[in-house]
Amino acid sequence: MQSMMDGMMGGGMMWGMGLFGLLILVVLVLFAVALIKYLFFNDKRK
């Protein structure tokens, strides 16, 4: 627990978690947009 707090105080752990979280968020948003576009295109074809 204490070592985790020390890592966060250093900033390295916080930066890594922040970038990883941001990457996941971007991927999820792009996937959602692609899925919506795909569904809309399929509806237009029918």
C-alpha atoms as a PDB file:
ATOM      1  CA  MET A   1       0.000   0.000   0.000  1.00  0.00           C
ATOM      2  CA  GLN A   2       2.754   2.462   1.021  1.00  0.00           C
ATOM      3  CA  SER A   3       4.927   1.606  -2.010  1.00  0.00           C
ATOM      4  CA  MET A   4       1.944   2.341  -4.295  1.00  0.00           C
ATOM      5  CA  MET A   5       1.496   5.763  -2.637  1.00  0.00           C
ATOM      6  CA  ASP A   6       5.214   6.507  -3.086  1.00  0.00           C
ATOM      7  CA  GLY A   7       4.965   5.582  -6.791  1.00  0.00           C
ATOM      8  CA  MET A   8       2.004   7.904  -7.270  1.00  0.00           C
ATOM      9  CA  MET A   9       3.856  10.720  -5.462  1.00  0.00           C
ATOM     10  CA  GLY A  10       6.740  10.204  -7.913  1.00  0.00           C
ATOM     11  CA  GLY A  11       4.377  10.745 -10.834  1.00  0.00           C
ATOM     12  CA  GLY A  12       5.555   7.790 -12.954  1.00  0.00           C
ATOM     13  CA  MET A  13       2.732   5.509 -11.847  1.00  0.00           C
ATOM     14  CA  MET A  14       0.134   8.263 -12.254  1.00  0.00           C
ATOM     15  CA  TRP A  15       1.320   9.112 -15.779  1.00  0.00           C
ATOM     16  CA  GLY A  16       1.291   5.443 -16.811  1.00  0.00           C
ATOM     17  CA  MET A  17      -2.232   4.861 -15.476  1.00  0.00           C
ATOM     18  CA  GLY A  18      -3.472   8.131 -17.012  1.00  0.00           C
ATOM     19  CA  LEU A  19      -2.091   7.322 -20.472  1.00  0.00           C
ATOM     20  CA  PHE A  20      -3.415   3.736 -20.288  1.00  0.00           C
ATOM     21  CA  GLY A  21      -6.868   4.967 -19.249  1.00  0.00           C
ATOM     22  CA  LEU A  22      -6.877   7.587 -22.018  1.00  0.00           C
ATOM     23  CA  LEU A  23      -5.851   4.952 -24.600  1.00  0.00           C
ATOM     24  CA  ILE A  24      -8.692   2.620 -23.500  1.00  0.00           C
ATOM     25  CA  LEU A  25     -11.177   5.528 -23.609  1.00  0.00           C
ATOM     26  CA  VAL A  26     -10.110   6.516 -27.164  1.00  0.00           C
ATOM     27  CA  VAL A  27     -10.307   2.886 -28.380  1.00  0.00           C
ATOM     28  CA  LEU A  28     -13.790   2.434 -26.843  1.00  0.00           C
ATOM     29  CA  VAL A  29     -15.052   5.701 -28.395  1.00  0.00           C
ATOM     30  CA  LEU A  30     -13.662   4.804 -31.850  1.00  0.00           C
ATOM     31  CA  PHE A  31     -15.156   1.291 -31.576  1.00  0.00           C
ATOM     32  CA  ALA A  32     -18.559   2.731 -30.604  1.00  0.00           C
ATOM     33  CA  VAL A  33     -18.480   5.233 -33.516  1.00  0.00           C
ATOM     34  CA  ALA A  34     -17.452   2.495 -35.992  1.00  0.00           C
ATOM     35  CA  LEU A  35     -20.208   0.194 -34.689  1.00  0.00           C
ATOM     36  CA  ILE A  36     -22.875   2.943 -34.989  1.00  0.00           C
ATOM     37  CA  LYS A  37     -21.712   3.844 -38.533  1.00  0.00           C
ATOM     38  CA  TYR A  38     -21.720   0.158 -39.522  1.00  0.00           C
ATOM     39  CA  LEU A  39     -25.257  -0.327 -38.158  1.00  0.00           C
ATOM     40  CA  PHE A  40     -26.509   2.841 -39.892  1.00  0.00           C
ATOM     41  CA  PHE A  41     -24.932   1.815 -43.222  1.00  0.00           C
ATOM     42  CA  ASN A  42     -26.549  -1.637 -42.934  1.00  0.00           C
ATOM     43  CA  ASP A  43     -29.969  -0.030 -42.265  1.00  0.00           C
ATOM     44  CA  LYS A  44     -29.593   2.261 -45.332  1.00  0.00           C
ATOM     45  CA  ARG A  45     -28.730  -0.707 -47.601  1.00  0.00           C
ATOM     46  CA  LYS A  46     -31.908  -2.516 -46.495  1.00  0.00           C
END
